[in-house]
Structures are given as C-alpha cells and as structure tokens.
Amino acid sequence: MAVAWAVVALLIAGRFAMAFAVPLTGDEAYYWEWSRRLAFGYSDHPPAVAWTAALFSGLGRGAGFVRLGFVLCGAAATLAVGACASLVSGDRRAGAVAALAFSLAPLSTVALVAATPDAPYLLFWCAALYLAARQERAGGTLGAVLLGLALGGALLSRLFAFALVAGLCAYALGPQGRGLRRNGLWLALAVAALAYAPFVVWNAQHGWETFAFSLVHRHEGESSTGFSLGRLLAFAGTQAAAYSPGIWLAATACALRPRSTLLAWTALPMLGFLTLFVLVRQVEVNWTLGPFASLCVLIGVAAVRLGPRARTAWLVAAAVPAAALSLVLFAAALFPGQSYALVRRATGHGLRNAGPFEVFAFRPLAHDVAVLVAAPGTVAATDGYGLSSVLDFETGVAPVVIGYDWQGRESHAWYPSSMHPNRVLFVDKEPLATRPDFRAHLTRACSSVADGGQRSYAFAGAPPRTFYFTWCEGLRPDGLAVLRWERESS
C-alpha cells in the first residue's frame, strides 16, 4: 500500500500548488473578510471558516496564504480517514485504500483547497470518526474530551454536523453501540456543547441570524421547487461526476451493505434525508461531503475483505477514472491557459464569459476600480458580497454592498448606511438597462445617474468578462439605505 500513500502525498502536494496558483473566488474573499473581523458567528456559516482563513493570512496578501490553513485541514482529514479505517478493520491496508478514495475524488480536491467551510468541516468530521472508533475500544476521559472537541469543531464549521452528532447518539443507543455509550460519549457531548455555546450566544444576540439564513433564506426565491424525479436523477449524476464514477459506485455499494454500524449511522441517515429532500428542493453537491468521508472509511474496510484479484480489480475500476479526472483538475488549475487552448482545439467549443476563467478578471478589474474611486468621498459598490470582497482583497477598495441580497447584509456593518460618500461607482456584471429595480433605486438615492461605460477582461483566449459601471453623483443623506432596500428615499 506504499503506492497508495505516495499517490495521496502527491495529491496533497498538488493542492498546495493549486492554492497559490488560482486567484480567490468571490466566496473565498468574503470569508477572508470574515477573518479580518473574527467573531463567534456569522450570517452564513459558523465561525470555523473565518478562524481557519485567519491562521496564515497575516503572512501575505496572496490567495495561497488565505488557503493554506484549509489545505492543512485537508491533509489532516485524510490521515484521520486512513487511521479510522485501519482501526475499524484491524488492517493498515484499509487505511491506505480509504485515504486514497478520499483523496482521489475530484470534489475532495476542490473542497480541500478552497477557503470555504468544507475543509475544517471535513477535518473535524473525520477526526470525530477516528476518535469515536477509538473511544469505543479504549475509553478514557482524555479520549472523550478529544472526541467532544472534534464534534464541537464540526458543529462550528457547518450546521450539517448535527447529522454526525445525531448519528453517533443513535448508534450509542443501539445494542452495538454499548461500548461507546459506556466509554464517555455523554462527556464528549457535554464538551461539544460547551465548545458550541459561544456560537449559540452570538446567534441569540443577533436574531438567530445563521439559523435563519441556513434554514429559510439560503434558497429564498429558488425556482426549482416542487416534486421532481428529474432533479433526483440530476443529483445522482452530479454526485457521480463530483466523486468520480468508480468511487461513487464503490461508496454506493458500501452504503447498501455497510461493514460498520458506527460508520453507517454517520453516513446513511443524512444521505437518505438529502435523497428525499432533492425530490422537492435543490441540493448542493458539497452537502454530501461528510457522509462521503464516512463511506470512504467503509470502502477501505470492505476492500481488505475481498480476495486479491477482486480487490485489485475494484481498486483499478475506482481509482483509474478518479485519477484521470484529478489530473484534468490539476492541469486546469496549474496550467489554465494551456488547458483551455487544448480543450478548444480538441472540441471546437469555448467557455462562457462567466465560467471558471472569470476569477482571472477580478484582479485587473480591482486595479481599474481602485483608480476610478481614488478621489476622496468616492466609493465602489456592488450588489454581490463576493465581488465587493474581491475588490477589497486585491486593492483595498472598501467593501460596499448594495441591493436586496439577504446573504450580503452582514457586510453592511463593514460600511454602514450612515456613511455619506459623495459619489458611488456601481460595478455590476449586467448592464443597468436590464435591471430596472436598481435603476429606480439609483434614481431615488442620487442627484444624478450617469453611465460609466464598460470594461472587458480576457484571459487565455477565453471570452472576455465584461463589467458595467454606473456613476451615482450627489448621493443623498439616506442614499445608502435606499440602495440597500432598507427604506425609500424621503
């Protein structure tokens, strides 16, 4: 299994390279903004993503420093997956197979590089799996405390971690979970509750903002609602592509016949819920990452119980497609221009101007905007928290978010509506002529509204990304509040 661990190490090294090669996305820049304002909670997610981003951001302004903590989380999560599989099976080969399956999945590569809540969430989920399996066998107060801290960390990363806690509790209440129940699970739960308490207090002080957004507002106005078998089929296809067909099939086989009740309880209830939920609402592809980690452990446990030939055939069928997809992903990230040219020559098709190369337009856009708003009393505003955060990350342009987007409301405190700039440059991805609601609010908030033109930015021959500028001259005293849909102008 030395080859498997060598591949895992190579993939982790590739993630470090990717972290420094690709500019920050809008979401990542938004979490970077959080890391500059550390708190026990935020409107969109629990605080672990901000704390992780803050770990190395002080080393420099590059995207790689923001992502460094997340890549390290991924490396630790991989080791925890392998350790759990080795412990549950009693065979170190299971650990190598589990770590390989976990690492080769294309979605893992994305999740364990990007500065998003997924990497710390997976770290604590995987650590909790290992510590729960260890606690069931060895017991001890220290082990229970460590398990509690891992569960608390998972809860502070994503609200989905409640599925992990519930799964462990359900397992402990059953006959096979007697060992975990007797060996300090309740102490672990108490420690997790203490770790989670500051986040609960923060939400109580902020109108339960995180829970309101996650449970109500995240997909507010979403058109894809109502019963749909087609959405279920699309969900299955997306999952197969995200984890690679071979690994997805192996995970599905293990889900149908799990070799560990403990791991089954941490994976199957949430997967079952999401499978039913997607029949009536959209489910994002990364929502299954926690259960997938548990299934990767089950893949390792199942693999070592196969005969040598069957195990080799299974590993090849699962690993080869995943390795090919991973190579494509790494090539696209590390050599984007060459990869795009190759695909275009091979297929004759290009990408949308709002596709993956959009991130390469952010830096030149930010520099142009910084020049335009350099005069005193002038600010740049967008209707998206991500774009405003990118402008701030790249050139220090104050993040001013306007519009009605619920998710961006938290940023209002960074530049409050009580501020009174003289001029506002509205930077948008769409022409103002196509947005009558924004035109109406600009008219009410400004003494005059003038077209600021448009600028396009191309990268590697991909279609240029165009941004549209609108000048708001003579912003009224309550202008920002009007532009933020907080009230109509008097």
Protein backbone atom coordinates (compact mmCIF):
# COMPACT_ATOMS: atom_id res chain seq x y z
CA MET A 1 0.00 0.00 0.00
CA ALA A 2 3.04 2.28 -0.18
CA VAL A 3 1.96 3.26 -3.69
CA ALA A 4 -1.44 4.37 -2.40
CA TRP A 5 0.12 6.61 0.26
CA ALA A 6 2.56 8.00 -2.32
CA VAL A 7 -0.37 8.99 -4.53
CA VAL A 8 -2.10 10.58 -1.53
CA ALA A 9 1.04 12.57 -0.72
CA LEU A 10 1.32 13.68 -4.36
CA LEU A 11 -2.29 14.86 -4.36
CA ILE A 12 -1.77 16.85 -1.17
CA ALA A 13 1.34 18.47 -2.63
CA GLY A 14 -0.67 19.33 -5.74
CA ARG A 15 -3.27 21.05 -3.57
CA PHE A 16 -0.59 23.25 -2.02
CA ALA A 17 0.45 24.28 -5.54
CA MET A 18 -3.16 24.93 -6.57
CA ALA A 19 -3.73 27.08 -3.51
CA PHE A 20 -1.15 29.60 -4.73
CA ALA A 21 -1.94 29.33 -8.45
CA VAL A 22 -5.60 30.31 -8.64
CA PRO A 23 -6.96 33.76 -7.64
CA LEU A 24 -9.52 33.91 -4.85
CA THR A 25 -13.14 33.43 -5.81
CA GLY A 26 -15.82 35.78 -4.51
CA ASP A 27 -16.94 33.39 -1.79
CA GLU A 28 -13.37 32.88 -0.59
CA ALA A 29 -12.75 36.62 -0.47
CA TYR A 30 -15.92 37.03 1.57
CA TYR A 31 -14.66 34.51 4.13
CA TRP A 32 -11.34 36.36 4.12
CA GLU A 33 -13.29 39.48 5.07
CA TRP A 34 -14.70 37.49 7.98
CA SER A 35 -11.18 36.54 9.05
CA ARG A 36 -10.41 40.25 9.47
CA ARG A 37 -13.39 40.57 11.79
CA LEU A 38 -13.18 37.46 13.94
CA ALA A 39 -16.34 36.63 15.84
CA PHE A 40 -18.17 33.60 17.25
CA GLY A 41 -20.69 33.61 14.42
CA TYR A 42 -21.62 34.99 11.02
CA SER A 43 -24.78 35.28 8.98
CA ASP A 44 -23.96 32.48 6.55
CA HIS A 45 -21.95 29.89 8.48
CA PRO A 46 -20.47 29.11 11.90
CA PRO A 47 -17.08 30.73 12.57
CA ALA A 48 -14.53 27.98 11.81
CA VAL A 49 -14.05 29.12 8.20
CA ALA A 50 -13.02 32.61 9.37
CA TRP A 51 -10.68 31.29 12.03
CA THR A 52 -9.04 28.94 9.53
CA ALA A 53 -8.55 31.74 7.00
CA ALA A 54 -7.01 33.89 9.71
CA LEU A 55 -4.33 31.32 10.58
CA PHE A 56 -1.91 32.24 7.79
CA SER A 57 -3.46 35.31 6.12
CA GLY A 58 -1.05 37.50 8.06
CA LEU A 59 1.88 36.02 6.13
CA GLY A 60 0.87 37.84 2.95
CA ARG A 61 -1.95 39.05 0.76
CA GLY A 62 -1.68 36.17 -1.73
CA ALA A 63 -4.52 33.71 -2.23
CA GLY A 64 -2.27 30.84 -1.16
CA PHE A 65 -1.82 32.25 2.35
CA VAL A 66 -5.59 32.52 2.77
CA ARG A 67 -5.99 28.91 1.65
CA LEU A 68 -3.01 27.43 3.47
CA GLY A 69 -4.94 26.51 6.62
CA PHE A 70 -7.60 24.81 4.52
CA VAL A 71 -5.07 22.67 2.66
CA LEU A 72 -3.58 21.62 6.00
CA CYS A 73 -7.08 20.74 7.21
CA GLY A 74 -7.43 18.51 4.17
CA ALA A 75 -4.15 16.75 4.84
CA ALA A 76 -5.13 16.08 8.45
CA ALA A 77 -8.60 14.89 7.42
CA THR A 78 -7.03 12.40 5.02
CA LEU A 79 -4.81 10.98 7.76
CA ALA A 80 -7.84 10.70 10.06
CA VAL A 81 -9.80 8.78 7.40
CA GLY A 82 -6.92 6.36 6.99
CA ALA A 83 -6.44 5.94 10.73
CA CYS A 84 -10.14 5.26 11.24
CA ALA A 85 -10.26 2.61 8.52
CA SER A 86 -7.15 0.91 9.92
CA LEU A 87 -8.63 0.91 13.42
CA VAL A 88 -12.07 -0.38 12.43
CA SER A 89 -10.71 -3.14 10.18
CA GLY A 90 -7.57 -4.00 12.14
CA ASP A 91 -5.70 -3.82 8.83
CA ARG A 92 -3.43 -0.96 7.75
CA ARG A 93 -4.19 -1.68 4.11
CA ALA A 94 -7.74 -0.48 4.74
CA GLY A 95 -6.36 2.87 5.85
CA ALA A 96 -4.41 3.27 2.62
CA VAL A 97 -7.44 2.40 0.47
CA ALA A 98 -9.72 4.76 2.44
CA ALA A 99 -7.25 7.64 2.24
CA LEU A 100 -6.76 7.04 -1.48
CA ALA A 101 -10.51 7.00 -2.19
CA PHE A 102 -11.00 10.14 -0.11
CA SER A 103 -8.13 11.97 -1.83
CA LEU A 104 -8.83 10.97 -5.42
CA ALA A 105 -12.42 12.22 -5.52
CA PRO A 106 -12.39 15.43 -7.59
CA LEU A 107 -14.76 17.17 -5.19
CA SER A 108 -12.35 16.45 -2.34
CA THR A 109 -9.59 18.26 -4.21
CA VAL A 110 -11.79 21.33 -4.65
CA ALA A 111 -13.15 21.23 -1.10
CA LEU A 112 -9.73 20.74 0.47
CA VAL A 113 -8.10 23.65 -1.37
CA ALA A 114 -10.75 26.33 -1.41
CA ALA A 115 -11.09 28.71 1.54
CA THR A 116 -14.63 27.59 2.37
CA PRO A 117 -16.24 25.87 5.39
CA ASP A 118 -15.78 22.43 3.80
CA ALA A 119 -12.14 21.81 4.76
CA PRO A 120 -12.44 22.43 8.53
CA TYR A 121 -15.80 20.64 8.45
CA LEU A 122 -14.17 17.55 6.91
CA LEU A 123 -11.20 17.73 9.28
CA PHE A 124 -13.40 17.64 12.36
CA TRP A 125 -15.84 15.12 10.88
CA CYS A 126 -13.01 12.71 10.04
CA ALA A 127 -11.27 13.29 13.37
CA ALA A 128 -14.55 12.56 15.17
CA LEU A 129 -14.94 9.29 13.24
CA TYR A 130 -11.49 8.13 14.31
CA LEU A 131 -11.87 9.30 17.90
CA ALA A 132 -15.32 7.70 18.23
CA ALA A 133 -14.00 4.36 16.96
CA ARG A 134 -11.02 4.67 19.31
CA GLN A 135 -13.16 5.69 22.27
CA GLU A 136 -15.45 2.74 21.75
CA ARG A 137 -12.49 0.41 22.14
CA ALA A 138 -10.21 2.18 24.63
CA GLY A 139 -12.37 4.58 26.63
CA GLY A 140 -10.72 7.14 28.89
CA THR A 141 -11.50 10.69 29.91
CA LEU A 142 -8.94 12.29 27.58
CA GLY A 143 -10.34 10.41 24.60
CA ALA A 144 -13.86 11.55 25.44
CA VAL A 145 -12.71 15.17 25.70
CA LEU A 146 -10.90 14.95 22.37
CA LEU A 147 -13.98 13.44 20.74
CA GLY A 148 -16.07 16.27 22.18
CA LEU A 149 -13.68 18.87 20.81
CA ALA A 150 -13.83 17.24 17.37
CA LEU A 151 -17.63 17.23 17.45
CA GLY A 152 -17.62 20.84 18.63
CA GLY A 153 -15.25 21.77 15.81
CA ALA A 154 -17.52 20.10 13.26
CA LEU A 155 -20.54 21.97 14.64
CA LEU A 156 -18.59 25.22 14.47
CA SER A 157 -17.80 24.51 10.81
CA ARG A 158 -21.18 23.59 9.33
CA LEU A 159 -24.70 23.07 10.64
CA PHE A 160 -24.69 19.72 8.81
CA ALA A 161 -22.50 18.41 11.64
CA PHE A 162 -25.67 17.86 13.65
CA ALA A 163 -26.15 14.79 11.44
CA LEU A 164 -22.83 13.43 12.73
CA VAL A 165 -23.77 14.05 16.36
CA ALA A 166 -27.21 12.52 15.86
CA GLY A 167 -25.70 9.50 14.12
CA LEU A 168 -23.28 8.81 16.95
CA CYS A 169 -26.08 9.17 19.51
CA ALA A 170 -28.36 6.83 17.56
CA TYR A 171 -25.57 4.28 17.29
CA ALA A 172 -24.75 4.54 21.02
CA LEU A 173 -28.38 3.92 21.93
CA GLY A 174 -28.44 0.66 19.99
CA PRO A 175 -27.12 -2.70 21.18
CA GLN A 176 -23.92 -2.50 19.10
CA GLY A 177 -23.08 0.94 20.47
CA ARG A 178 -22.89 -0.16 24.07
CA GLY A 179 -19.12 0.36 24.16
CA LEU A 180 -19.31 3.95 23.01
CA ARG A 181 -22.19 4.64 25.35
CA ARG A 182 -20.29 3.31 28.35
CA ASN A 183 -16.97 4.86 27.39
CA GLY A 184 -17.77 8.52 27.73
CA LEU A 185 -19.92 9.58 24.78
CA TRP A 186 -22.01 11.70 27.13
CA LEU A 187 -18.90 13.51 28.37
CA ALA A 188 -17.92 14.10 24.74
CA LEU A 189 -21.35 15.55 24.02
CA ALA A 190 -21.05 17.86 27.02
CA VAL A 191 -17.65 19.10 25.79
CA ALA A 192 -19.10 19.62 22.29
CA ALA A 193 -21.97 21.62 23.78
CA LEU A 194 -19.52 23.84 25.69
CA ALA A 195 -17.49 24.42 22.54
CA TYR A 196 -20.65 25.28 20.63
CA ALA A 197 -22.09 27.58 23.28
CA PRO A 198 -20.35 30.82 22.16
CA PHE A 199 -21.85 30.39 18.68
CA VAL A 200 -25.31 29.90 20.19
CA VAL A 201 -24.85 33.01 22.35
CA TRP A 202 -23.75 35.02 19.30
CA ASN A 203 -26.85 33.92 17.39
CA ALA A 204 -29.11 34.73 20.33
CA GLN A 205 -27.65 38.24 20.29
CA HIS A 206 -28.09 38.58 16.51
CA GLY A 207 -31.64 37.33 15.99
CA TRP A 208 -30.56 33.73 15.29
CA GLU A 209 -29.13 35.00 12.01
CA THR A 210 -27.12 31.93 10.98
CA PHE A 211 -30.02 29.55 11.52
CA ALA A 212 -32.47 31.88 9.78
CA PHE A 213 -30.25 32.11 6.71
CA SER A 214 -29.41 28.41 6.55
CA LEU A 215 -32.95 27.15 7.10
CA VAL A 216 -35.00 29.84 5.38
CA HIS A 217 -33.14 32.40 3.30
CA ARG A 218 -30.34 30.44 1.58
CA HIS A 219 -32.55 29.40 -1.34
CA GLU A 220 -35.16 32.11 -0.99
CA GLY A 221 -36.86 32.69 -4.32
CA GLU A 222 -35.42 29.49 -5.75
CA SER A 223 -37.38 28.41 -8.82
CA SER A 224 -36.51 24.70 -8.70
CA THR A 225 -39.01 23.63 -6.06
CA GLY A 226 -41.79 21.04 -6.09
CA PHE A 227 -41.66 17.29 -6.60
CA SER A 228 -39.24 16.25 -9.36
CA LEU A 229 -37.77 12.85 -10.20
CA GLY A 230 -35.60 14.59 -12.76
CA ARG A 231 -33.88 16.54 -10.02
CA LEU A 232 -33.14 13.27 -8.23
CA LEU A 233 -31.55 11.82 -11.38
CA ALA A 234 -29.55 15.01 -11.88
CA PHE A 235 -28.42 14.83 -8.25
CA ALA A 236 -27.19 11.26 -8.72
CA GLY A 237 -25.34 12.20 -11.90
CA THR A 238 -23.74 15.23 -10.28
CA GLN A 239 -22.60 13.15 -7.32
CA ALA A 240 -21.12 10.52 -9.63
CA ALA A 241 -19.17 13.18 -11.51
CA ALA A 242 -18.10 15.02 -8.35
CA TYR A 243 -16.70 11.92 -6.65
CA SER A 244 -15.81 10.12 -9.93
CA PRO A 245 -17.97 7.25 -11.20
CA GLY A 246 -15.83 4.43 -9.81
CA ILE A 247 -15.52 5.83 -6.29
CA TRP A 248 -19.19 6.81 -6.29
CA LEU A 249 -20.22 3.27 -7.21
CA ALA A 250 -17.92 1.84 -4.54
CA ALA A 251 -19.39 4.24 -1.97
CA THR A 252 -22.91 3.28 -3.04
CA ALA A 253 -22.09 -0.42 -2.70
CA CYS A 254 -20.75 0.19 0.81
CA ALA A 255 -23.82 2.22 1.70
CA LEU A 256 -26.06 -0.66 0.66
CA ARG A 257 -24.01 -3.15 2.68
CA PRO A 258 -22.02 -1.30 5.35
CA ARG A 259 -19.35 -3.23 7.25
CA SER A 260 -19.52 -0.99 10.31
CA THR A 261 -22.68 0.06 12.12
CA LEU A 262 -20.89 3.05 13.62
CA LEU A 263 -19.88 4.39 10.23
CA ALA A 264 -23.26 3.57 8.72
CA TRP A 265 -25.02 5.72 11.32
CA THR A 266 -22.76 8.67 10.50
CA ALA A 267 -23.39 8.42 6.74
CA LEU A 268 -26.71 6.86 5.80
CA PRO A 269 -29.32 8.96 7.67
CA MET A 270 -28.04 12.20 6.17
CA LEU A 271 -27.70 10.66 2.71
CA GLY A 272 -31.21 9.31 2.96
CA PHE A 273 -32.56 12.68 4.01
CA LEU A 274 -30.80 14.50 1.15
CA THR A 275 -32.05 11.91 -1.34
CA LEU A 276 -35.62 12.61 -0.25
CA PHE A 277 -35.06 16.34 0.06
CA VAL A 278 -33.80 16.66 -3.51
CA LEU A 279 -37.19 15.45 -4.70
CA VAL A 280 -38.69 18.76 -3.58
CA ARG A 281 -35.74 21.21 -3.36
CA GLN A 282 -32.32 21.75 -4.85
CA VAL A 283 -29.39 20.10 -3.02
CA GLU A 284 -25.88 21.46 -3.43
CA VAL A 285 -23.24 18.97 -4.45
CA ASN A 286 -20.97 19.53 -1.43
CA TRP A 287 -23.69 18.81 1.13
CA THR A 288 -22.76 15.12 0.99
CA LEU A 289 -19.08 15.61 1.86
CA GLY A 290 -19.40 14.50 5.49
CA PRO A 291 -21.24 11.24 4.71
CA PHE A 292 -18.81 10.66 1.84
CA ALA A 293 -15.91 10.71 4.31
CA SER A 294 -17.64 8.01 6.35
CA LEU A 295 -18.25 5.98 3.20
CA CYS A 296 -14.56 6.26 2.26
CA VAL A 297 -13.71 4.57 5.56
CA LEU A 298 -16.23 1.86 4.68
CA ILE A 299 -14.60 1.50 1.25
CA GLY A 300 -11.28 0.78 2.93
CA VAL A 301 -12.84 -1.69 5.36
CA ALA A 302 -14.65 -3.51 2.56
CA ALA A 303 -11.64 -3.59 0.23
CA VAL A 304 -9.41 -5.64 2.55
CA ARG A 305 -12.11 -8.29 2.90
CA LEU A 306 -12.02 -9.02 -0.80
CA GLY A 307 -9.74 -11.57 -2.42
CA PRO A 308 -6.52 -10.28 -4.01
CA ARG A 309 -7.85 -10.35 -7.57
CA ALA A 310 -11.22 -8.85 -6.70
CA ARG A 311 -9.56 -6.15 -4.61
CA THR A 312 -7.16 -5.23 -7.41
CA ALA A 313 -9.96 -5.11 -9.98
CA TRP A 314 -12.10 -2.98 -7.66
CA LEU A 315 -9.27 -0.57 -6.91
CA VAL A 316 -8.39 -0.17 -10.59
CA ALA A 317 -12.03 0.41 -11.59
CA ALA A 318 -12.45 3.03 -8.90
CA ALA A 319 -9.03 4.68 -8.94
CA VAL A 320 -8.25 5.00 -12.65
CA PRO A 321 -11.24 7.21 -13.64
CA ALA A 322 -10.75 9.27 -10.47
CA ALA A 323 -7.04 9.71 -11.19
CA ALA A 324 -7.81 10.84 -14.74
CA LEU A 325 -10.36 13.38 -13.50
CA SER A 326 -7.92 14.59 -10.85
CA LEU A 327 -5.20 15.11 -13.46
CA VAL A 328 -7.60 17.18 -15.54
CA LEU A 329 -8.50 19.25 -12.49
CA PHE A 330 -4.88 19.88 -11.52
CA ALA A 331 -3.92 20.72 -15.10
CA ALA A 332 -6.78 23.22 -15.40
CA ALA A 333 -5.75 24.91 -12.15
CA LEU A 334 -1.98 24.94 -12.65
CA PHE A 335 -1.91 25.50 -16.44
CA PRO A 336 -5.23 27.20 -17.18
CA GLY A 337 -4.28 28.87 -20.44
CA GLN A 338 -2.72 25.81 -21.99
CA SER A 339 -5.57 23.59 -20.78
CA TYR A 340 -8.18 25.87 -22.30
CA ALA A 341 -6.37 26.03 -25.62
CA LEU A 342 -6.09 22.24 -25.70
CA VAL A 343 -9.78 21.73 -24.97
CA ARG A 344 -10.78 24.31 -27.54
CA ARG A 345 -8.66 22.69 -30.23
CA ALA A 346 -9.96 19.23 -29.36
CA THR A 347 -13.66 20.10 -29.14
CA GLY A 348 -14.05 23.30 -31.10
CA HIS A 349 -16.03 24.80 -28.21
CA GLY A 350 -15.17 27.58 -25.79
CA LEU A 351 -16.43 28.58 -22.35
CA ARG A 352 -18.94 31.13 -21.17
CA ASN A 353 -17.56 34.51 -20.19
CA ALA A 354 -18.93 33.86 -16.69
CA GLY A 355 -17.25 30.46 -16.49
CA PRO A 356 -14.23 29.37 -14.46
CA PHE A 357 -11.92 31.96 -16.00
CA GLU A 358 -13.99 34.77 -14.51
CA VAL A 359 -11.72 34.75 -11.46
CA PHE A 360 -8.81 35.92 -13.61
CA ALA A 361 -10.76 39.07 -14.45
CA PHE A 362 -11.09 40.15 -10.83
CA ARG A 363 -7.55 41.42 -10.32
CA PRO A 364 -7.37 43.78 -13.33
CA LEU A 365 -10.93 44.90 -12.58
CA ALA A 366 -9.96 45.70 -8.99
CA HIS A 367 -7.00 47.77 -10.10
CA ASP A 368 -9.13 49.76 -12.56
CA VAL A 369 -11.84 50.36 -9.95
CA ALA A 370 -9.24 51.46 -7.39
CA VAL A 371 -8.04 54.15 -9.78
CA LEU A 372 -11.59 55.33 -10.51
CA VAL A 373 -12.54 55.70 -6.83
CA ALA A 374 -9.24 57.13 -5.62
CA ALA A 375 -10.70 60.60 -5.11
CA PRO A 376 -11.86 61.44 -1.54
CA GLY A 377 -15.54 60.83 -0.89
CA THR A 378 -15.80 58.21 -3.64
CA VAL A 379 -16.62 54.53 -3.11
CA ALA A 380 -17.26 51.49 -5.30
CA ALA A 381 -20.41 49.46 -4.69
CA THR A 382 -21.59 46.11 -5.99
CA ASP A 383 -24.74 44.10 -5.40
CA GLY A 384 -22.72 40.98 -4.52
CA TYR A 385 -20.78 40.36 -1.33
CA GLY A 386 -18.24 38.27 -3.26
CA LEU A 387 -17.32 40.86 -5.85
CA SER A 388 -17.02 43.62 -3.24
CA SER A 389 -14.79 41.38 -1.15
CA VAL A 390 -12.54 40.60 -4.12
CA LEU A 391 -12.12 44.31 -4.81
CA ASP A 392 -11.07 44.76 -1.19
CA PHE A 393 -8.73 41.77 -1.21
CA GLU A 394 -6.95 42.76 -4.41
CA THR A 395 -6.59 46.52 -3.92
CA GLY A 396 -8.11 47.55 -0.59
CA VAL A 397 -11.28 49.07 -2.07
CA ALA A 398 -13.82 49.40 0.75
CA PRO A 399 -16.44 46.61 0.53
CA VAL A 400 -19.74 48.43 -0.08
CA VAL A 401 -22.61 46.08 -0.87
CA ILE A 402 -25.98 47.39 -2.01
CA GLY A 403 -29.16 45.68 -3.21
CA TYR A 404 -31.55 43.22 -1.64
CA ASP A 405 -29.39 40.09 -1.39
CA TRP A 406 -30.01 38.61 2.08
CA GLN A 407 -26.60 36.98 2.27
CA GLY A 408 -24.77 40.26 1.78
CA ARG A 409 -26.49 42.06 4.64
CA GLU A 410 -23.73 41.21 7.08
CA SER A 411 -21.32 43.34 5.06
CA HIS A 412 -23.46 46.42 5.73
CA ALA A 413 -21.76 46.71 9.11
CA TRP A 414 -18.37 46.97 7.36
CA TYR A 415 -19.53 50.14 5.60
CA PRO A 416 -22.71 51.24 7.39
CA SER A 417 -25.63 53.05 5.78
CA SER A 418 -24.88 56.07 7.96
CA MET A 419 -21.81 56.84 5.83
CA HIS A 420 -22.19 59.69 3.35
CA PRO A 421 -19.87 59.38 0.34
CA ASN A 422 -20.34 62.00 -2.36
CA ARG A 423 -20.02 59.64 -5.33
CA VAL A 424 -20.66 55.95 -5.80
CA LEU A 425 -19.37 53.82 -8.66
CA PHE A 426 -21.77 50.92 -9.12
CA VAL A 427 -19.86 47.93 -10.56
CA ASP A 428 -22.08 45.21 -11.98
CA LYS A 429 -21.89 42.12 -14.15
CA GLU A 430 -25.06 43.12 -16.01
CA PRO A 431 -25.98 46.32 -17.88
CA LEU A 432 -28.09 48.70 -15.82
CA ALA A 433 -30.66 48.73 -18.64
CA THR A 434 -31.52 45.13 -17.78
CA ARG A 435 -32.06 45.93 -14.08
CA PRO A 436 -34.96 48.34 -13.69
CA ASP A 437 -35.10 47.80 -9.92
CA PHE A 438 -31.55 49.06 -9.46
CA ARG A 439 -32.12 51.92 -11.88
CA ALA A 440 -35.15 53.01 -9.83
CA HIS A 441 -33.26 52.90 -6.54
CA LEU A 442 -30.26 54.73 -8.00
CA THR A 443 -32.59 57.44 -9.29
CA ARG A 444 -34.10 57.88 -5.82
CA ALA A 445 -30.76 57.79 -3.99
CA CYS A 446 -28.65 60.02 -6.26
CA SER A 447 -28.89 63.55 -7.57
CA SER A 448 -27.89 62.21 -10.97
CA VAL A 449 -27.06 58.86 -12.52
CA ALA A 450 -24.53 58.59 -15.34
CA ASP A 451 -23.30 55.71 -17.47
CA GLY A 452 -19.70 54.94 -16.57
CA GLY A 453 -19.07 52.68 -19.54
CA GLN A 454 -17.93 49.10 -19.51
CA ARG A 455 -14.64 47.24 -19.36
CA SER A 456 -13.82 43.74 -20.52
CA TYR A 457 -11.05 41.45 -19.36
CA ALA A 458 -9.91 38.36 -21.23
CA PHE A 459 -7.68 35.51 -20.15
CA ALA A 460 -6.03 32.77 -22.19
CA GLY A 461 -8.27 33.30 -25.19
CA ALA A 462 -11.47 32.69 -23.23
CA PRO A 463 -14.42 35.02 -23.92
CA PRO A 464 -13.77 38.32 -22.13
CA ARG A 465 -15.70 39.05 -18.95
CA THR A 466 -17.44 42.40 -19.13
CA PHE A 467 -18.29 44.62 -16.16
CA TYR A 468 -20.60 47.62 -16.34
CA PHE A 469 -20.03 50.88 -14.47
CA THR A 470 -22.64 53.42 -13.34
CA TRP A 471 -21.87 56.66 -11.54
CA CYS A 472 -24.13 57.89 -8.76
CA GLU A 473 -23.42 61.60 -8.30
CA GLY A 474 -24.54 63.53 -5.24
CA LEU A 475 -25.64 60.66 -3.03
CA ARG A 476 -28.48 61.80 -0.77
CA PRO A 477 -28.10 61.62 3.05
CA ASP A 478 -30.11 58.38 3.18
CA GLY A 479 -28.75 57.19 -0.15
CA LEU A 480 -27.01 54.04 1.03
CA ALA A 481 -30.09 52.92 2.95
CA VAL A 482 -32.15 53.40 -0.21
CA LEU A 483 -29.64 51.49 -2.33
CA ARG A 484 -29.75 48.68 0.21
CA TRP A 485 -33.53 48.40 0.04
CA GLU A 486 -33.67 49.39 3.72
CA ARG A 487 -36.10 52.24 3.08
CA GLU A 488 -37.37 54.51 0.36
CA SER A 489 -35.88 57.95 -0.04
CA SER A 490 -37.77 60.71 1.77
